[in-house]
Amino acid sequence: MTPFVHGHTTAFTLDPAKHPVMLEYRIDGYPSLPLALAIELIAQVALKQHTSDPMHRDLTLAGIRMQSPLMAYGDDAFAIEVGNHAHHRQTWNLCCDLRNQDGVLIEPSKRYATCTFEPTPNSLSPSDPSNDSVTDRQAIEAIEQSPIEPIDENAVMFLGHLFRGSKLGQLTSIGYGSAPFAEQIPTAAAHFNVPLANSVWGEAIGGKPAITPTATIDLMLDAVQRLADRRTGEECIICGIDELQIHRHPNEGESLTTLAKWIAPNLDEIGGTAAANVYGEAGDLVVRMIGIQIEQHLGTRSIFI
């Protein structure tokens, strides 16, 4: 994927035939752009505006919202554009022309995702005791004493209208329980190994160094979605993250553990809000997500507010 820069906008050409990450993530059968990849593309463009250091790692992304799923309805390659918001320079939009199955333009530069980029030290350091690492470890240990669901690494997640292929990387196991001292907060603890850099995620960004740990973020969201489906009894889709803190990039093949928490249901009881942390082999905080927004999947016409 080679970016084309024009003014303050950067365009990326996506081709489902050449970028299998879209074939591995499908909604209602259509190749789709995973939220984790949308975040990475925005970060690549935004980082250039803030620093010349391509290996900048300690950063926070806020107000991440997926307005609607970005799907490829035909076989042709298409271009997405990432650029500044007209009045808020730290807010970035990911847009793409909306066309029907015959290629007819329906809406030019339709906005699919937005994000505020802050390449500054995180508000919470990995060593800060307020990062919940102690209670998270207690929750993980409690869940691991209960039956754990092993996950076939060659399996796919295909529930209803959402398809997630094994090439994206897979959770190796997941278990469910509740948070210590807060039994009303359901939790899920999942384990996975970080995919290699030459996976479909690496191919999607043309082999360049990733700004965000894309595969790790995607697997965290996978664990959150499984917890949401279990809690609501409905097929859910993640449509936003209030704050995403990246403390370090995990190593290839590193064994990680993520704890997802179901914080509260929405007022209409359809969907809710969750949070998740992922820890490295040494127990250090790797990525933290606050305010994960979840909605019921309503098909290809889903529009998220």
C-alpha atoms as a PDB file:
ATOM      1  CA  MET A   1       0.000   0.000   0.000  1.00  0.00           C
ATOM      2  CA  THR A   2       1.808   3.090  -1.261  1.00  0.00           C
ATOM      3  CA  PRO A   3       0.494   6.443   0.026  1.00  0.00           C
ATOM      4  CA  PHE A   4      -0.020   9.347  -2.358  1.00  0.00           C
ATOM      5  CA  VAL A   5       0.288  12.744  -0.696  1.00  0.00           C
ATOM      6  CA  HIS A   6      -1.640  15.706  -2.077  1.00  0.00           C
ATOM      7  CA  GLY A   7      -1.621  18.828   0.064  1.00  0.00           C
ATOM      8  CA  HIS A   8      -2.825  17.930   3.553  1.00  0.00           C
ATOM      9  CA  THR A   9      -4.456  14.701   2.366  1.00  0.00           C
ATOM     10  CA  THR A  10      -2.854  11.293   1.945  1.00  0.00           C
ATOM     11  CA  ALA A  11      -4.496   8.623  -0.211  1.00  0.00           C
ATOM     12  CA  PHE A  12      -4.006   4.869   0.123  1.00  0.00           C
ATOM     13  CA  THR A  13      -5.055   2.420  -2.580  1.00  0.00           C
ATOM     14  CA  LEU A  14      -6.789  -0.663  -1.261  1.00  0.00           C
ATOM     15  CA  ASP A  15      -7.255  -3.758  -3.355  1.00  0.00           C
ATOM     16  CA  PRO A  16      -8.875  -6.788  -1.692  1.00  0.00           C
ATOM     17  CA  ALA A  17      -7.023  -9.028  -4.164  1.00  0.00           C
ATOM     18  CA  LYS A  18      -3.634  -7.620  -3.090  1.00  0.00           C
ATOM     19  CA  HIS A  19      -4.419  -6.848   0.545  1.00  0.00           C
ATOM     20  CA  PRO A  20      -5.807 -10.106   1.993  1.00  0.00           C
ATOM     21  CA  VAL A  21      -6.395  -8.418   5.355  1.00  0.00           C
ATOM     22  CA  MET A  22      -9.699  -7.207   3.872  1.00  0.00           C
ATOM     23  CA  LEU A  23     -10.626 -10.715   2.750  1.00  0.00           C
ATOM     24  CA  GLU A  24      -9.901 -12.004   6.249  1.00  0.00           C
ATOM     25  CA  TYR A  25     -12.272  -9.454   7.780  1.00  0.00           C
ATOM     26  CA  ARG A  26     -15.694  -9.467   6.121  1.00  0.00           C
ATOM     27  CA  ILE A  27     -19.061  -8.015   7.016  1.00  0.00           C
ATOM     28  CA  ASP A  28     -22.109  -9.589   5.382  1.00  0.00           C
ATOM     29  CA  GLY A  29     -19.698 -11.293   2.983  1.00  0.00           C
ATOM     30  CA  TYR A  30     -18.039  -8.068   1.776  1.00  0.00           C
ATOM     31  CA  PRO A  31     -14.277  -7.452   2.238  1.00  0.00           C
ATOM     32  CA  SER A  32     -14.003  -4.764   4.923  1.00  0.00           C
ATOM     33  CA  LEU A  33     -11.489  -2.456   6.569  1.00  0.00           C
ATOM     34  CA  PRO A  34     -10.757  -3.567  10.149  1.00  0.00           C
ATOM     35  CA  LEU A  35     -10.927  -0.804  12.750  1.00  0.00           C
ATOM     36  CA  ALA A  36      -7.346  -1.601  13.824  1.00  0.00           C
ATOM     37  CA  LEU A  37      -6.088  -0.926  10.289  1.00  0.00           C
ATOM     38  CA  ALA A  38      -8.081   2.311  10.020  1.00  0.00           C
ATOM     39  CA  ILE A  39      -6.364   3.467  13.219  1.00  0.00           C
ATOM     40  CA  GLU A  40      -2.938   2.580  11.805  1.00  0.00           C
ATOM     41  CA  LEU A  41      -3.516   4.466   8.543  1.00  0.00           C
ATOM     42  CA  ILE A  42      -4.631   7.578  10.426  1.00  0.00           C
ATOM     43  CA  ALA A  43      -1.616   7.302  12.751  1.00  0.00           C
ATOM     44  CA  GLN A  44       0.804   7.016   9.815  1.00  0.00           C
ATOM     45  CA  VAL A  45      -0.452  10.243   8.279  1.00  0.00           C
ATOM     46  CA  ALA A  46      -0.913  12.170  11.528  1.00  0.00           C
ATOM     47  CA  LEU A  47       2.499  11.271  12.925  1.00  0.00           C
ATOM     48  CA  LYS A  48       4.242  12.924   9.994  1.00  0.00           C
ATOM     49  CA  GLN A  49       2.611  16.211  10.986  1.00  0.00           C
ATOM     50  CA  HIS A  50       3.940  16.027  14.542  1.00  0.00           C
ATOM     51  CA  THR A  51       7.415  14.463  14.462  1.00  0.00           C
ATOM     52  CA  SER A  52      10.113  13.391  12.060  1.00  0.00           C
ATOM     53  CA  ASP A  53      10.844  10.316  14.189  1.00  0.00           C
ATOM     54  CA  PRO A  54       9.258   7.364  12.329  1.00  0.00           C
ATOM     55  CA  MET A  55       9.823   5.090  15.322  1.00  0.00           C
ATOM     56  CA  HIS A  56       7.869   7.290  17.736  1.00  0.00           C
ATOM     57  CA  ARG A  57       6.000   4.849  19.966  1.00  0.00           C
ATOM     58  CA  ASP A  58       4.651   6.423  23.163  1.00  0.00           C
ATOM     59  CA  LEU A  59       1.390   7.927  22.009  1.00  0.00           C
ATOM     60  CA  THR A  60      -2.303   8.288  22.681  1.00  0.00           C
ATOM     61  CA  LEU A  61      -5.175   8.265  20.195  1.00  0.00           C
ATOM     62  CA  ALA A  62      -8.517   9.586  21.380  1.00  0.00           C
ATOM     63  CA  GLY A  63     -12.072   9.923  20.151  1.00  0.00           C
ATOM     64  CA  ILE A  64     -11.752   7.023  17.708  1.00  0.00           C
ATOM     65  CA  ARG A  65     -15.072   6.544  15.929  1.00  0.00           C
ATOM     66  CA  MET A  66     -16.143   4.361  13.026  1.00  0.00           C
ATOM     67  CA  GLN A  67     -19.128   6.160  11.504  1.00  0.00           C
ATOM     68  CA  SER A  68     -20.028   3.142   9.369  1.00  0.00           C
ATOM     69  CA  PRO A  69     -18.250   0.015   8.135  1.00  0.00           C
ATOM     70  CA  LEU A  70     -16.046   0.541   5.070  1.00  0.00           C
ATOM     71  CA  MET A  71     -16.706  -2.365   2.703  1.00  0.00           C
ATOM     72  CA  ALA A  72     -15.665  -3.191  -0.849  1.00  0.00           C
ATOM     73  CA  TYR A  73     -18.767  -3.947  -2.889  1.00  0.00           C
ATOM     74  CA  GLY A  74     -16.884  -4.736  -6.114  1.00  0.00           C
ATOM     75  CA  ASP A  75     -13.628  -6.305  -7.306  1.00  0.00           C
ATOM     76  CA  ASP A  76     -11.937  -3.025  -8.220  1.00  0.00           C
ATOM     77  CA  ALA A  77      -9.287  -1.339  -6.098  1.00  0.00           C
ATOM     78  CA  PHE A  78     -10.355   1.888  -4.420  1.00  0.00           C
ATOM     79  CA  ALA A  79      -8.650   4.780  -2.671  1.00  0.00           C
ATOM     80  CA  ILE A  80      -9.229   6.009   0.842  1.00  0.00           C
ATOM     81  CA  GLU A  81      -8.109   9.461   1.950  1.00  0.00           C
ATOM     82  CA  VAL A  82      -6.822  10.548   5.340  1.00  0.00           C
ATOM     83  CA  GLY A  83      -6.711  14.258   6.147  1.00  0.00           C
ATOM     84  CA  ASN A  84      -7.177  16.909   8.834  1.00  0.00           C
ATOM     85  CA  HIS A  85     -10.570  18.041   9.986  1.00  0.00           C
ATOM     86  CA  ALA A  86     -11.256  21.467   8.492  1.00  0.00           C
ATOM     87  CA  HIS A  87     -11.532  23.232  11.865  1.00  0.00           C
ATOM     88  CA  HIS A  88      -9.762  20.864  14.283  1.00  0.00           C
ATOM     89  CA  ARG A  89      -6.236  20.191  13.066  1.00  0.00           C
ATOM     90  CA  GLN A  90      -5.570  17.362  15.519  1.00  0.00           C
ATOM     91  CA  THR A  91      -8.681  15.505  14.382  1.00  0.00           C
ATOM     92  CA  TRP A  92      -8.230  13.243  11.361  1.00  0.00           C
ATOM     93  CA  ASN A  93     -10.830  11.798   9.028  1.00  0.00           C
ATOM     94  CA  LEU A  94     -10.657   8.648   6.964  1.00  0.00           C
ATOM     95  CA  CYS A  95     -12.844   9.049   3.872  1.00  0.00           C
ATOM     96  CA  CYS A  96     -13.686   7.137   0.732  1.00  0.00           C
ATOM     97  CA  ASP A  97     -16.084   7.645  -2.177  1.00  0.00           C
ATOM     98  CA  LEU A  98     -19.234   5.636  -1.589  1.00  0.00           C
ATOM     99  CA  ARG A  99     -20.208   3.707  -4.705  1.00  0.00           C
ATOM    100  CA  ASN A 100     -22.843   1.075  -5.314  1.00  0.00           C
ATOM    101  CA  GLN A 101     -22.202  -2.409  -6.691  1.00  0.00           C
ATOM    102  CA  ASP A 102     -22.237  -1.008 -10.246  1.00  0.00           C
ATOM    103  CA  GLY A 103     -19.535   1.534  -9.418  1.00  0.00           C
ATOM    104  CA  VAL A 104     -21.898   4.500  -9.545  1.00  0.00           C
ATOM    105  CA  LEU A 105     -20.882   7.320  -7.201  1.00  0.00           C
ATOM    106  CA  ILE A 106     -23.398   7.726  -4.384  1.00  0.00           C
ATOM    107  CA  GLU A 107     -21.546  10.062  -2.011  1.00  0.00           C
ATOM    108  CA  PRO A 108     -18.093  11.593  -2.611  1.00  0.00           C
ATOM    109  CA  SER A 109     -15.584  11.536   0.244  1.00  0.00           C
ATOM    110  CA  LYS A 110     -17.914   9.767   2.656  1.00  0.00           C
ATOM    111  CA  ARG A 111     -16.429   9.854   6.152  1.00  0.00           C
ATOM    112  CA  TYR A 112     -15.974   6.429   7.702  1.00  0.00           C
ATOM    113  CA  ALA A 113     -13.668   7.000  10.681  1.00  0.00           C
ATOM    114  CA  THR A 114     -12.337   9.859  12.813  1.00  0.00           C
ATOM    115  CA  CYS A 115      -9.568  10.067  15.396  1.00  0.00           C
ATOM    116  CA  THR A 116      -7.695  12.659  17.459  1.00  0.00           C
ATOM    117  CA  PHE A 117      -3.954  12.053  17.419  1.00  0.00           C
ATOM    118  CA  GLU A 118      -1.751  12.986  20.378  1.00  0.00           C
ATOM    119  CA  PRO A 119       1.893  11.839  20.080  1.00  0.00           C
ATOM    120  CA  THR A 120       2.585  12.842  23.683  1.00  0.00           C
ATOM    121  CA  PRO A 121       3.465  10.888  26.820  1.00  0.00           C
ATOM    122  CA  ASN A 122       0.521   8.825  27.973  1.00  0.00           C
ATOM    123  CA  SER A 123      -1.545  10.143  30.867  1.00  0.00           C
ATOM    124  CA  LEU A 124      -0.889   6.867  32.689  1.00  0.00           C
ATOM    125  CA  SER A 125       2.527   5.221  32.819  1.00  0.00           C
ATOM    126  CA  PRO A 126       2.850   1.408  32.839  1.00  0.00           C
ATOM    127  CA  SER A 127       4.303   1.548  36.375  1.00  0.00           C
ATOM    128  CA  ASP A 128       1.513   3.726  37.803  1.00  0.00           C
ATOM    129  CA  PRO A 129      -0.390   1.646  40.396  1.00  0.00           C
ATOM    130  CA  SER A 130      -3.649   3.254  39.238  1.00  0.00           C
ATOM    131  CA  ASN A 131      -3.450   1.384  35.937  1.00  0.00           C
ATOM    132  CA  ASP A 132      -5.368  -1.522  37.537  1.00  0.00           C
ATOM    133  CA  SER A 133      -2.569  -4.022  36.861  1.00  0.00           C
ATOM    134  CA  VAL A 134      -2.900  -5.591  40.332  1.00  0.00           C
ATOM    135  CA  THR A 135      -6.663  -6.131  40.172  1.00  0.00           C
ATOM    136  CA  ASP A 136      -6.370  -7.156  36.524  1.00  0.00           C
ATOM    137  CA  ARG A 137      -3.866  -9.870  37.477  1.00  0.00           C
ATOM    138  CA  GLN A 138      -6.221 -11.074  40.228  1.00  0.00           C
ATOM    139  CA  ALA A 139      -9.091 -11.239  37.728  1.00  0.00           C
ATOM    140  CA  ILE A 140      -6.959 -13.128  35.204  1.00  0.00           C
ATOM    141  CA  GLU A 141      -5.793 -15.618  37.836  1.00  0.00           C
ATOM    142  CA  ALA A 142      -9.376 -16.173  39.002  1.00  0.00           C
ATOM    143  CA  ILE A 143     -10.581 -16.805  35.466  1.00  0.00           C
ATOM    144  CA  GLU A 144      -7.693 -19.184  34.773  1.00  0.00           C
ATOM    145  CA  GLN A 145      -8.850 -21.341  37.701  1.00  0.00           C
ATOM    146  CA  SER A 146     -12.156 -21.846  35.890  1.00  0.00           C
ATOM    147  CA  PRO A 147     -12.728 -23.734  32.629  1.00  0.00           C
ATOM    148  CA  ILE A 148     -10.929 -22.014  29.755  1.00  0.00           C
ATOM    149  CA  GLU A 149     -12.165 -22.233  26.171  1.00  0.00           C
ATOM    150  CA  PRO A 150      -9.280 -23.267  23.886  1.00  0.00           C
ATOM    151  CA  ILE A 151      -9.461 -21.755  20.410  1.00  0.00           C
ATOM    152  CA  ASP A 152      -8.289 -23.642  17.329  1.00  0.00           C
ATOM    153  CA  GLU A 153      -5.568 -21.532  15.688  1.00  0.00           C
ATOM    154  CA  ASN A 154      -6.833 -22.655  12.272  1.00  0.00           C
ATOM    155  CA  ALA A 155     -10.425 -21.770  13.061  1.00  0.00           C
ATOM    156  CA  VAL A 156     -12.272 -18.645  12.000  1.00  0.00           C
ATOM    157  CA  MET A 157     -14.714 -16.476  13.884  1.00  0.00           C
ATOM    158  CA  PHE A 158     -17.872 -16.640  11.806  1.00  0.00           C
ATOM    159  CA  LEU A 159     -20.881 -15.620  13.826  1.00  0.00           C
ATOM    160  CA  GLY A 160     -23.865 -14.434  11.850  1.00  0.00           C
ATOM    161  CA  HIS A 161     -22.801 -11.610   9.555  1.00  0.00           C
ATOM    162  CA  LEU A 162     -19.226 -11.094  10.824  1.00  0.00           C
ATOM    163  CA  PHE A 163     -16.290 -13.135   9.556  1.00  0.00           C
ATOM    164  CA  ARG A 164     -12.786 -12.998  11.012  1.00  0.00           C
ATOM    165  CA  GLY A 165     -10.198 -15.208   9.317  1.00  0.00           C
ATOM    166  CA  SER A 166      -7.341 -17.034  11.033  1.00  0.00           C
ATOM    167  CA  LYS A 167      -4.649 -15.151   9.067  1.00  0.00           C
ATOM    168  CA  LEU A 168      -5.341 -12.050  11.164  1.00  0.00           C
ATOM    169  CA  GLY A 169      -3.987 -13.884  14.208  1.00  0.00           C
ATOM    170  CA  GLN A 170      -6.022 -15.808  16.738  1.00  0.00           C
ATOM    171  CA  LEU A 171      -6.675 -15.909  20.432  1.00  0.00           C
ATOM    172  CA  THR A 172      -5.317 -19.200  21.782  1.00  0.00           C
ATOM    173  CA  SER A 173      -7.766 -19.338  24.700  1.00  0.00           C
ATOM    174  CA  ILE A 174     -10.414 -17.255  26.451  1.00  0.00           C
ATOM    175  CA  GLY A 175     -12.215 -17.535  29.782  1.00  0.00           C
ATOM    176  CA  TYR A 176     -14.948 -15.529  31.481  1.00  0.00           C
ATOM    177  CA  GLY A 177     -15.522 -14.310  35.027  1.00  0.00           C
ATOM    178  CA  SER A 178     -16.007 -11.107  37.023  1.00  0.00           C
ATOM    179  CA  ALA A 179     -13.716  -8.393  38.324  1.00  0.00           C
ATOM    180  CA  PRO A 180     -12.419  -8.755  41.914  1.00  0.00           C
ATOM    181  CA  PHE A 181     -14.278  -6.518  44.390  1.00  0.00           C
ATOM    182  CA  ALA A 182     -16.760  -5.664  41.606  1.00  0.00           C
ATOM    183  CA  GLU A 183     -18.681  -8.799  40.712  1.00  0.00           C
ATOM    184  CA  GLN A 184     -21.155  -6.785  38.679  1.00  0.00           C
ATOM    185  CA  ILE A 185     -18.418  -6.155  36.079  1.00  0.00           C
ATOM    186  CA  PRO A 186     -18.151  -9.197  33.775  1.00  0.00           C
ATOM    187  CA  THR A 187     -14.686  -9.869  32.389  1.00  0.00           C
ATOM    188  CA  ALA A 188     -12.891 -12.002  29.828  1.00  0.00           C
ATOM    189  CA  ALA A 189      -9.230 -13.034  29.921  1.00  0.00           C
ATOM    190  CA  ALA A 190      -7.647 -14.140  26.661  1.00  0.00           C
ATOM    191  CA  HIS A 191      -4.180 -15.239  25.583  1.00  0.00           C
ATOM    192  CA  PHE A 192      -2.516 -14.867  22.199  1.00  0.00           C
ATOM    193  CA  ASN A 193       0.872 -14.728  20.515  1.00  0.00           C
ATOM    194  CA  VAL A 194       1.857 -11.637  18.528  1.00  0.00           C
ATOM    195  CA  PRO A 195       1.764 -12.389  14.758  1.00  0.00           C
ATOM    196  CA  LEU A 196       4.937 -11.999  12.714  1.00  0.00           C
ATOM    197  CA  ALA A 197       5.659  -8.738  10.923  1.00  0.00           C
ATOM    198  CA  ASN A 198       5.219 -10.413   7.519  1.00  0.00           C
ATOM    199  CA  SER A 199       1.617 -11.370   8.324  1.00  0.00           C
ATOM    200  CA  VAL A 200      -1.353  -9.927   6.443  1.00  0.00           C
ATOM    201  CA  TRP A 201      -1.090  -6.872   8.695  1.00  0.00           C
ATOM    202  CA  GLY A 202       2.447  -6.177   7.479  1.00  0.00           C
ATOM    203  CA  GLU A 203       1.365  -6.659   3.872  1.00  0.00           C
ATOM    204  CA  ALA A 204      -1.475  -4.175   4.354  1.00  0.00           C
ATOM    205  CA  ILE A 205       0.924  -1.315   5.112  1.00  0.00           C
ATOM    206  CA  GLY A 206       3.491  -2.277   2.494  1.00  0.00           C
ATOM    207  CA  GLY A 207       6.066  -3.720   4.871  1.00  0.00           C
ATOM    208  CA  LYS A 208       6.740  -0.335   6.499  1.00  0.00           C
ATOM    209  CA  PRO A 209       7.269  -0.051  10.271  1.00  0.00           C
ATOM    210  CA  ALA A 210       3.868   0.096  11.938  1.00  0.00           C
ATOM    211  CA  ILE A 211       3.073   3.094  14.108  1.00  0.00           C
ATOM    212  CA  THR A 212       0.598   1.114  16.197  1.00  0.00           C
ATOM    213  CA  PRO A 213       0.725  -2.581  17.214  1.00  0.00           C
ATOM    214  CA  THR A 214      -2.080  -3.303  14.774  1.00  0.00           C
ATOM    215  CA  ALA A 215      -2.397  -7.059  15.254  1.00  0.00           C
ATOM    216  CA  THR A 216      -2.365  -6.700  19.042  1.00  0.00           C
ATOM    217  CA  ILE A 217      -5.082  -4.045  18.926  1.00  0.00           C
ATOM    218  CA  ASP A 218      -7.193  -6.221  16.640  1.00  0.00           C
ATOM    219  CA  LEU A 219      -6.891  -9.246  18.948  1.00  0.00           C
ATOM    220  CA  MET A 220      -7.814  -7.100  21.965  1.00  0.00           C
ATOM    221  CA  LEU A 221     -10.931  -5.995  20.086  1.00  0.00           C
ATOM    222  CA  ASP A 222     -11.656  -9.633  19.221  1.00  0.00           C
ATOM    223  CA  ALA A 223     -11.690 -10.506  22.940  1.00  0.00           C
ATOM    224  CA  VAL A 224     -13.916  -7.505  23.710  1.00  0.00           C
ATOM    225  CA  GLN A 225     -16.356  -8.440  20.952  1.00  0.00           C
ATOM    226  CA  ARG A 226     -16.606 -12.031  22.210  1.00  0.00           C
ATOM    227  CA  LEU A 227     -17.386 -10.706  25.690  1.00  0.00           C
ATOM    228  CA  ALA A 228     -19.986  -8.300  24.267  1.00  0.00           C
ATOM    229  CA  ASP A 229     -21.694 -11.032  22.244  1.00  0.00           C
ATOM    230  CA  ARG A 230     -21.807 -13.202  25.339  1.00  0.00           C
ATOM    231  CA  ARG A 231     -23.256 -10.454  27.530  1.00  0.00           C
ATOM    232  CA  THR A 232     -25.891  -9.146  25.115  1.00  0.00           C
ATOM    233  CA  GLY A 233     -26.843 -12.363  23.372  1.00  0.00           C
ATOM    234  CA  GLU A 234     -26.668 -10.366  20.145  1.00  0.00           C
ATOM    235  CA  GLU A 235     -24.112  -9.983  17.381  1.00  0.00           C
ATOM    236  CA  CYS A 236     -22.167  -6.828  18.233  1.00  0.00           C
ATOM    237  CA  ILE A 237     -19.640  -4.658  16.437  1.00  0.00           C
ATOM    238  CA  ILE A 238     -17.106  -2.244  17.925  1.00  0.00           C
ATOM    239  CA  CYS A 239     -17.590   1.285  16.662  1.00  0.00           C
ATOM    240  CA  GLY A 240     -15.323   3.436  18.812  1.00  0.00           C
ATOM    241  CA  ILE A 241     -12.620   3.829  21.467  1.00  0.00           C
ATOM    242  CA  ASP A 242     -12.552   6.897  23.705  1.00  0.00           C
ATOM    243  CA  GLU A 243      -8.826   6.560  24.414  1.00  0.00           C
ATOM    244  CA  LEU A 244      -6.148   4.198  23.109  1.00  0.00           C
ATOM    245  CA  GLN A 245      -2.818   4.317  24.969  1.00  0.00           C
ATOM    246  CA  ILE A 246       0.181   2.602  23.395  1.00  0.00           C
ATOM    247  CA  HIS A 247       3.062   2.053  25.812  1.00  0.00           C
ATOM    248  CA  ARG A 248       5.251  -0.200  23.669  1.00  0.00           C
ATOM    249  CA  HIS A 249       5.246  -2.506  20.687  1.00  0.00           C
ATOM    250  CA  PRO A 250       5.256  -6.174  21.704  1.00  0.00           C
ATOM    251  CA  ASN A 251       7.856  -8.494  20.215  1.00  0.00           C
ATOM    252  CA  GLU A 252       7.025 -10.909  17.410  1.00  0.00           C
ATOM    253  CA  GLY A 253       5.783 -14.168  18.881  1.00  0.00           C
ATOM    254  CA  GLU A 254       5.511 -12.680  22.392  1.00  0.00           C
ATOM    255  CA  SER A 255       2.812 -14.245  24.534  1.00  0.00           C
ATOM    256  CA  LEU A 256       0.313 -11.592  25.652  1.00  0.00           C
ATOM    257  CA  THR A 257      -2.676 -11.631  27.970  1.00  0.00           C
ATOM    258  CA  THR A 258      -5.620  -9.275  27.603  1.00  0.00           C
ATOM    259  CA  LEU A 259      -8.338  -8.577  30.128  1.00  0.00           C
ATOM    260  CA  ALA A 260     -11.601  -7.150  28.769  1.00  0.00           C
ATOM    261  CA  LYS A 261     -14.197  -5.612  31.092  1.00  0.00           C
ATOM    262  CA  TRP A 262     -17.883  -5.047  30.373  1.00  0.00           C
ATOM    263  CA  ILE A 263     -18.362  -1.692  32.103  1.00  0.00           C
ATOM    264  CA  ALA A 264     -22.015  -0.900  31.412  1.00  0.00           C
ATOM    265  CA  PRO A 265     -24.793  -1.575  28.891  1.00  0.00           C
ATOM    266  CA  ASN A 266     -26.266   1.205  26.786  1.00  0.00           C
ATOM    267  CA  LEU A 267     -29.501   2.775  27.966  1.00  0.00           C
ATOM    268  CA  ASP A 268     -31.392   0.835  25.313  1.00  0.00           C
ATOM    269  CA  GLU A 269     -29.643  -2.373  26.437  1.00  0.00           C
ATOM    270  CA  ILE A 270     -28.328  -2.858  22.886  1.00  0.00           C
ATOM    271  CA  GLY A 271     -24.557  -2.743  23.068  1.00  0.00           C
ATOM    272  CA  GLY A 272     -22.547  -1.071  25.792  1.00  0.00           C
ATOM    273  CA  THR A 273     -19.186   0.244  26.951  1.00  0.00           C
ATOM    274  CA  ALA A 274     -16.111  -1.859  27.685  1.00  0.00           C
ATOM    275  CA  ALA A 275     -12.423  -1.437  28.543  1.00  0.00           C
ATOM    276  CA  ALA A 276      -9.369  -3.597  27.965  1.00  0.00           C
ATOM    277  CA  ASN A 277      -5.702  -3.842  28.907  1.00  0.00           C
ATOM    278  CA  VAL A 278      -3.066  -6.112  27.427  1.00  0.00           C
ATOM    279  CA  TYR A 279       0.012  -7.248  29.355  1.00  0.00           C
ATOM    280  CA  GLY A 280       3.357  -8.581  28.162  1.00  0.00           C
ATOM    281  CA  GLU A 281       5.230 -11.675  29.271  1.00  0.00           C
ATOM    282  CA  ALA A 282       6.868  -9.657  32.079  1.00  0.00           C
ATOM    283  CA  GLY A 283       3.501  -8.391  33.289  1.00  0.00           C
ATOM    284  CA  ASP A 284       4.033  -4.856  31.965  1.00  0.00           C
ATOM    285  CA  LEU A 285       1.211  -2.823  30.453  1.00  0.00           C
ATOM    286  CA  VAL A 286       1.478  -2.826  26.651  1.00  0.00           C
ATOM    287  CA  VAL A 287      -1.778  -1.278  25.389  1.00  0.00           C
ATOM    288  CA  ARG A 288      -4.717   0.210  27.249  1.00  0.00           C
ATOM    289  CA  MET A 289      -8.194   0.939  25.855  1.00  0.00           C
ATOM    290  CA  ILE A 290     -10.721   3.095  27.686  1.00  0.00           C
ATOM    291  CA  GLY A 291     -14.357   3.577  26.690  1.00  0.00           C
ATOM    292  CA  ILE A 292     -14.742   0.950  23.966  1.00  0.00           C
ATOM    293  CA  GLN A 293     -18.087   1.664  22.292  1.00  0.00           C
ATOM    294  CA  ILE A 294     -20.127  -1.344  21.177  1.00  0.00           C
ATOM    295  CA  GLU A 295     -23.334  -1.463  19.154  1.00  0.00           C
ATOM    296  CA  GLN A 296     -25.533  -4.226  17.865  1.00  0.00           C
ATOM    297  CA  HIS A 297     -24.680  -5.126  14.276  1.00  0.00           C
ATOM    298  CA  LEU A 298     -27.592  -4.135  12.051  1.00  0.00           C
ATOM    299  CA  GLY A 299     -26.234  -5.252   8.695  1.00  0.00           C
ATOM    300  CA  THR A 300     -24.461  -3.420   5.890  1.00  0.00           C
ATOM    301  CA  ARG A 301     -26.466  -0.243   6.488  1.00  0.00           C
ATOM    302  CA  SER A 302     -25.179   0.187  10.047  1.00  0.00           C
ATOM    303  CA  ILE A 303     -24.502   3.820  10.908  1.00  0.00           C
ATOM    304  CA  PHE A 304     -22.818   4.548  14.238  1.00  0.00           C
ATOM    305  CA  ILE A 305     -23.334   7.771  16.135  1.00  0.00           C
END
